[in-house]
C-alpha atoms as a PDB file:
ATOM      1  CA  TYR A   1      66.984-131.502-108.194  1.00  0.00           C
ATOM      2  CA  VAL A   2      66.841-128.566-110.603  1.00  0.00           C
ATOM      3  CA  GLY A   3      63.829-126.634-109.350  1.00  0.00           C
ATOM      4  CA  GLN A   4      61.084-128.160-111.480  1.00  0.00           C
ATOM      5  CA  GLU A   5      58.374-127.312-108.962  1.00  0.00           C
ATOM      6  CA  LYS A   6      58.679-123.662-110.006  1.00  0.00           C
ATOM      7  CA  LEU A   7      58.708-124.441-113.734  1.00  0.00           C
ATOM      8  CA  ARG A   8      56.117-127.177-114.189  1.00  0.00           C
ATOM      9  CA  PRO A   9      53.074-125.173-113.025  1.00  0.00           C
ATOM     10  CA  GLN A  10      53.876-122.486-115.599  1.00  0.00           C
ATOM     11  CA  THR A  11      52.936-124.888-118.377  1.00  0.00           C
ATOM     12  CA  GLY A  12      49.352-124.896-117.152  1.00  0.00           C
ATOM     13  CA  TRP A  13      48.700-121.281-116.226  1.00  0.00           C
ATOM     14  CA  LEU A  14      51.181-119.383-118.427  1.00  0.00           C
ATOM     15  CA  PRO A  15      48.984-119.405-121.580  1.00  0.00           C
ATOM     16  CA  LEU A  16      46.038-118.045-119.586  1.00  0.00           C
ATOM     17  CA  ALA A  17      47.918-115.601-117.381  1.00  0.00           C
ATOM     18  CA  PHE A  18      49.831-113.992-120.232  1.00  0.00           C
ATOM     19  CA  ALA A  19      47.352-114.378-123.128  1.00  0.00           C
ATOM     20  CA  LEU A  20      49.806-116.423-125.172  1.00  0.00           C
ATOM     21  CA  ASP A  21      47.026-117.339-127.571  1.00  0.00           C
ATOM     22  CA  TRP A  22      46.798-113.637-128.500  1.00  0.00           C
ATOM     23  CA  ASN A  23      50.348-112.380-128.461  1.00  0.00           C
ATOM     24  CA  ARG A  24      53.865-113.775-128.171  1.00  0.00           C
ATOM     25  CA  PRO A  25      56.322-113.388-126.586  1.00  0.00           C
ATOM     26  CA  PRO A  26      54.815-112.549-123.202  1.00  0.00           C
ATOM     27  CA  ARG A  27      55.932-109.211-121.811  1.00  0.00           C
ATOM     28  CA  GLN A  28      56.520-109.826-118.137  1.00  0.00           C
ATOM     29  CA  MET A  29      57.744-107.091-115.838  1.00  0.00           C
ATOM     30  CA  ASN A  30      60.842-107.867-113.822  1.00  0.00           C
ATOM     31  CA  SER A  31      60.162-107.989-110.109  1.00  0.00           C
ATOM     32  CA  THR A  32      63.063-105.689-109.200  1.00  0.00           C
ATOM     33  CA  SER A  33      61.524-102.758-111.080  1.00  0.00           C
ATOM     34  CA  PHE A  34      58.019-103.582-109.854  1.00  0.00           C
ATOM     35  CA  PHE A  35      58.936-103.598-106.171  1.00  0.00           C
ATOM     36  CA  TYR A  36      61.325-100.623-106.444  1.00  0.00           C
ATOM     37  CA  ASN A  37      58.470 -98.599-107.915  1.00  0.00           C
ATOM     38  CA  HIS A  38      55.413 -99.841-106.008  1.00  0.00           C
ATOM     39  CA  SER A  39      57.023-100.201-102.588  1.00  0.00           C
ATOM     40  CA  SER A  40      58.250 -96.580-102.871  1.00  0.00           C
ATOM     41  CA  GLN A  41      61.894 -97.486-102.327  1.00  0.00           C
ATOM     42  CA  TRP A  42      62.745 -94.798-104.874  1.00  0.00           C
ATOM     43  CA  ARG A  43      61.443 -92.170-102.419  1.00  0.00           C
ATOM     44  CA  TYR A  44      64.463 -92.938-100.215  1.00  0.00           C
ATOM     45  CA  GLU A  45      67.117 -93.370-102.937  1.00  0.00           C
ATOM     46  CA  LYS A  46      70.034 -91.013-102.395  1.00  0.00           C
ATOM     47  CA  VAL A  47      72.389 -92.415-105.042  1.00  0.00           C
ATOM     48  CA  SER A  48      72.363 -90.433-108.276  1.00  0.00           C
ATOM     49  CA  ALA A  49      73.055 -91.763-111.753  1.00  0.00           C
ATOM     50  CA  GLN A  50      76.137 -89.529-111.992  1.00  0.00           C
ATOM     51  CA  GLU A  51      77.684 -91.369-109.045  1.00  0.00           C
ATOM     52  CA  LEU A  52      77.433 -94.664-110.932  1.00  0.00           C
ATOM     53  CA  LEU A  53      78.760 -93.428-114.280  1.00  0.00           C
ATOM     54  CA  SER A  54      82.101 -94.201-115.788  1.00  0.00           C
ATOM     55  CA  PRO A  55      84.455 -91.210-115.733  1.00  0.00           C
ATOM     56  CA  LEU A  56      84.475 -91.495-119.537  1.00  0.00           C
ATOM     57  CA  ALA A  57      80.690 -91.059-119.883  1.00  0.00           C
ATOM     58  CA  ASP A  58      78.982 -87.773-120.706  1.00  0.00           C
ATOM     59  CA  ALA A  59      77.207 -86.960-117.417  1.00  0.00           C
ATOM     60  CA  SER A  60      74.866 -84.441-119.098  1.00  0.00           C
ATOM     61  CA  LYS A  61      73.024 -87.332-120.795  1.00  0.00           C
ATOM     62  CA  TYR A  62      72.230 -89.020-117.484  1.00  0.00           C
ATOM     63  CA  SER A  63      70.336 -86.478-115.406  1.00  0.00           C
ATOM     64  CA  GLY A  64      67.691 -87.233-112.866  1.00  0.00           C
ATOM     65  CA  HIS A  65      66.869 -89.869-110.328  1.00  0.00           C
ATOM     66  CA  LEU A  66      67.325 -93.624-110.749  1.00  0.00           C
ATOM     67  CA  ILE A  67      63.543 -94.165-111.058  1.00  0.00           C
ATOM     68  CA  ASP A  68      63.608 -91.842-114.084  1.00  0.00           C
ATOM     69  CA  PHE A  69      65.600 -94.416-116.018  1.00  0.00           C
ATOM     70  CA  ASN A  70      62.946 -97.060-115.373  1.00  0.00           C
ATOM     71  CA  VAL A  71      60.236 -94.643-116.525  1.00  0.00           C
ATOM     72  CA  ARG A  72      62.146 -93.816-119.710  1.00  0.00           C
ATOM     73  CA  ALA A  73      62.701 -97.514-120.439  1.00  0.00           C
ATOM     74  CA  GLU A  74      59.002 -98.274-119.888  1.00  0.00           C
ATOM     75  CA  ARG A  75      57.927 -95.364-122.081  1.00  0.00           C
ATOM     76  CA  MET A  76      60.176 -96.518-124.930  1.00  0.00           C
ATOM     77  CA  GLY A  77      58.926-100.101-124.652  1.00  0.00           C
ATOM     78  CA  TRP A  78      62.212-101.575-123.461  1.00  0.00           C
ATOM     79  CA  LEU A  79      60.903-102.558-120.033  1.00  0.00           C
ATOM     80  CA  PRO A  80      57.516-104.247-119.697  1.00  0.00           C
ATOM     81  CA  SER A  81      55.527-102.815-116.811  1.00  0.00           C
ATOM     82  CA  ALA A  82      52.397-103.404-114.794  1.00  0.00           C
ATOM     83  CA  PRO A  83      50.193-101.482-114.733  1.00  0.00           C
ATOM     84  CA  GLN A  84      51.110 -99.797-118.022  1.00  0.00           C
ATOM     85  CA  LEU A  85      48.603 -96.978-118.295  1.00  0.00           C
ATOM     86  CA  GLY A  86      47.024 -94.692-115.721  1.00  0.00           C
ATOM     87  CA  ARG A  87      43.516 -95.919-116.562  1.00  0.00           C
ATOM     88  CA  ASN A  88      41.853 -99.294-116.961  1.00  0.00           C
ATOM     89  CA  PRO A  89      42.413-100.679-120.486  1.00  0.00           C
ATOM     90  CA  LEU A  90      38.753-101.768-120.672  1.00  0.00           C
ATOM     91  CA  GLY A  91      37.681 -98.155-120.128  1.00  0.00           C
ATOM     92  CA  ILE A  92      40.168 -96.977-122.750  1.00  0.00           C
ATOM     93  CA  LYS A  93      38.682 -99.475-125.236  1.00  0.00           C
ATOM     94  CA  ALA A  94      35.168 -98.176-124.506  1.00  0.00           C
ATOM     95  CA  GLU A  95      36.341 -94.567-125.007  1.00  0.00           C
ATOM     96  CA  ALA A  96      38.037 -95.542-128.279  1.00  0.00           C
ATOM     97  CA  ASP A  97      34.828 -97.169-129.539  1.00  0.00           C
ATOM     98  CA  LYS A  98      32.869 -94.042-128.604  1.00  0.00           C
ATOM     99  CA  ALA A  99      35.378 -91.880-130.508  1.00  0.00           C
ATOM    100  CA  GLY A 100      35.255 -94.204-133.534  1.00  0.00           C
ATOM    101  CA  LEU A 101      38.971 -95.040-133.308  1.00  0.00           C
ATOM    102  CA  SER A 102      40.899 -98.237-132.857  1.00  0.00           C
ATOM    103  CA  PRO A 103      42.251 -98.712-129.317  1.00  0.00           C
ATOM    104  CA  THR A 104      45.797 -98.270-130.669  1.00  0.00           C
ATOM    105  CA  GLU A 105      45.008 -94.965-132.402  1.00  0.00           C
ATOM    106  CA  PHE A 106      43.040 -93.670-129.429  1.00  0.00           C
ATOM    107  CA  THR A 107      45.791 -94.574-126.959  1.00  0.00           C
ATOM    108  CA  ALA A 108      48.518 -92.995-129.107  1.00  0.00           C
ATOM    109  CA  GLN A 109      46.525 -89.761-129.462  1.00  0.00           C
ATOM    110  CA  ALA A 110      45.673 -89.655-125.751  1.00  0.00           C
ATOM    111  CA  LEU A 111      49.318 -90.195-124.753  1.00  0.00           C
ATOM    112  CA  LYS A 112      50.503 -87.460-127.146  1.00  0.00           C
ATOM    113  CA  SER A 113      47.883 -84.975-125.923  1.00  0.00           C
ATOM    114  CA  GLY A 114      48.512 -85.775-122.248  1.00  0.00           C
ATOM    115  CA  ASP A 115      44.946 -87.002-121.617  1.00  0.00           C
ATOM    116  CA  LEU A 116      46.417 -90.403-120.757  1.00  0.00           C
ATOM    117  CA  ARG A 117      49.639 -90.996-118.874  1.00  0.00           C
ATOM    118  CA  MET A 118      51.885 -93.939-118.250  1.00  0.00           C
ATOM    119  CA  ALA A 119      51.252 -95.454-114.811  1.00  0.00           C
ATOM    120  CA  CYS A 120      54.971 -95.358-114.007  1.00  0.00           C
ATOM    121  CA  GLU A 121      54.871 -91.542-114.126  1.00  0.00           C
ATOM    122  CA  GLN A 122      52.400 -91.471-111.208  1.00  0.00           C
ATOM    123  CA  PRO A 123      53.277 -94.400-108.928  1.00  0.00           C
ATOM    124  CA  ASP A 124      51.571 -92.775-105.927  1.00  0.00           C
ATOM    125  CA  SER A 125      48.225 -92.419-107.694  1.00  0.00           C
ATOM    126  CA  SER A 126      45.588 -94.717-106.209  1.00  0.00           C
ATOM    127  CA  SER A 127      44.611 -95.886-109.714  1.00  0.00           C
ATOM    128  CA  ASN A 128      48.155 -97.201-110.276  1.00  0.00           C
ATOM    129  CA  HIS A 129      48.645 -98.921-106.930  1.00  0.00           C
ATOM    130  CA  PRO A 130      48.681-102.745-107.100  1.00  0.00           C
ATOM    131  CA  ARG A 131      45.625-104.401-105.586  1.00  0.00           C
ATOM    132  CA  ASN A 132      46.472-108.081-106.105  1.00  0.00           C
ATOM    133  CA  LEU A 133      49.710-109.940-105.573  1.00  0.00           C
ATOM    134  CA  PHE A 134      50.093-113.581-106.530  1.00  0.00           C
ATOM    135  CA  VAL A 135      52.991-115.267-104.742  1.00  0.00           C
ATOM    136  CA  ARG A 136      53.641-118.967-105.206  1.00  0.00           C
ATOM    137  CA  ARG A 137      56.210-120.800-103.090  1.00  0.00           C
ATOM    138  CA  SER A 138      58.166-117.681-102.269  1.00  0.00           C
ATOM    139  CA  ASN A 139      58.678-115.632 -99.149  1.00  0.00           C
ATOM    140  CA  LEU A 140      58.608-111.978-100.144  1.00  0.00           C
ATOM    141  CA  LEU A 141      58.740-110.531 -96.663  1.00  0.00           C
ATOM    142  CA  GLY A 142      61.186-113.047 -95.240  1.00  0.00           C
ATOM    143  CA  SER A 143      63.863-113.598 -97.833  1.00  0.00           C
ATOM    144  CA  SER A 144      62.871-113.015-101.454  1.00  0.00           C
ATOM    145  CA  GLY A 145      61.890-109.357-101.215  1.00  0.00           C
ATOM    146  CA  LYS A 146      64.678-106.853-100.914  1.00  0.00           C
ATOM    147  CA  GLY A 147      63.626-103.937 -98.764  1.00  0.00           C
ATOM    148  CA  HIS A 148      60.779-105.682 -96.985  1.00  0.00           C
ATOM    149  CA  GLU A 149      60.266-102.699 -94.658  1.00  0.00           C
ATOM    150  CA  TYR A 150      59.153-100.650 -97.658  1.00  0.00           C
ATOM    151  CA  MET A 151      56.838-103.459 -98.751  1.00  0.00           C
ATOM    152  CA  GLN A 152      55.285-103.573 -95.292  1.00  0.00           C
ATOM    153  CA  LYS A 153      54.590 -99.845 -95.241  1.00  0.00           C
ATOM    154  CA  TYR A 154      53.714 -99.026 -98.851  1.00  0.00           C
ATOM    155  CA  LEU A 155      52.329-102.285-100.268  1.00  0.00           C
ATOM    156  CA  LEU A 156      50.636-103.749 -97.196  1.00  0.00           C
ATOM    157  CA  GLY A 157      50.015-100.616 -95.114  1.00  0.00           C
ATOM    158  CA  THR A 158      51.334-102.159 -91.893  1.00  0.00           C
ATOM    159  CA  GLU A 159      53.920-101.065 -89.344  1.00  0.00           C
ATOM    160  CA  SER A 160      57.445-100.975 -90.704  1.00  0.00           C
ATOM    161  CA  GLY A 161      60.984-100.480 -89.559  1.00  0.00           C
ATOM    162  CA  ILE A 162      61.943 -97.821 -92.104  1.00  0.00           C
ATOM    163  CA  GLN A 163      64.660 -95.666 -90.611  1.00  0.00           C
ATOM    164  CA  GLY A 164      65.659 -93.562 -93.599  1.00  0.00           C
ATOM    165  CA  GLU A 165      64.367 -90.142 -94.510  1.00  0.00           C
ATOM    166  CA  GLU A 166      62.240 -89.591 -97.612  1.00  0.00           C
ATOM    167  CA  LEU A 167      63.585 -87.329-100.349  1.00  0.00           C
ATOM    168  CA  GLY A 168      60.763 -84.904 -99.559  1.00  0.00           C
ATOM    169  CA  ALA A 169      62.193 -84.321 -96.087  1.00  0.00           C
ATOM    170  CA  SER A 170      65.735 -83.886 -97.379  1.00  0.00           C
ATOM    171  CA  ASP A 171      67.267 -81.923-100.221  1.00  0.00           C
ATOM    172  CA  GLY A 172      67.949 -85.056-102.288  1.00  0.00           C
ATOM    173  CA  ILE A 173      67.576 -85.322-106.044  1.00  0.00           C
ATOM    174  CA  LYS A 174      63.902 -85.653-106.908  1.00  0.00           C
ATOM    175  CA  PRO A 175      62.712 -87.481-110.030  1.00  0.00           C
ATOM    176  CA  GLU A 176      62.250 -85.616-113.307  1.00  0.00           C
ATOM    177  CA  GLU A 177      59.885 -88.130-114.929  1.00  0.00           C
ATOM    178  CA  VAL A 178      57.818 -89.132-111.884  1.00  0.00           C
ATOM    179  CA  GLU A 179      55.141 -86.918-110.375  1.00  0.00           C
ATOM    180  CA  TRP A 180      56.212 -86.237-106.782  1.00  0.00           C
ATOM    181  CA  GLN A 181      53.505 -86.444-104.122  1.00  0.00           C
ATOM    182  CA  THR A 182      54.271 -85.253-100.615  1.00  0.00           C
ATOM    183  CA  ALA A 183      52.469 -88.259 -99.136  1.00  0.00           C
ATOM    184  CA  ALA A 184      52.961 -91.657-100.734  1.00  0.00           C
ATOM    185  CA  ILE A 185      50.079 -94.098-100.917  1.00  0.00           C
ATOM    186  CA  GLU A 186      50.263 -96.721 -98.168  1.00  0.00           C
ATOM    187  CA  GLY A 187      48.730-100.178 -98.257  1.00  0.00           C
END
């Protein structure tokens, strides 16, 4: 047994799910970053990047909160993300057509001007909150998901056993790259 039941179904749905007929390789977001961001675990993170650095590293280059490093990586294209932009890509395409620009040119201009933002910069915005979650042969809340209490509260909107205090209630390091909202979106 080598786990084929998780691999074989990909052959059928992978080309459709990731538009492999349009673009290769597929850019799939890693689940650790997705759940850290969308289950608001970062709102409780008290470890700073400076605490994790080597004593030989220049600490001035590593300011901010741990979520900031994910945002920077997503912005530079190193870390695929979902959702990527703060607005629906179909709406962006329609706006680009109206402006007489290609979607690429329009998006680049809108990002530079600030009219369009990366979704990772506003994780608590309702337009960036995940609405669908496809789970096949996994148990996110039982064993696969790390921090299931956060998933219960922020992804599902149910009762949770969170015992920690949010950064907003304490004097912890707040993110530099992420827009802080006093109340996170739940469910």
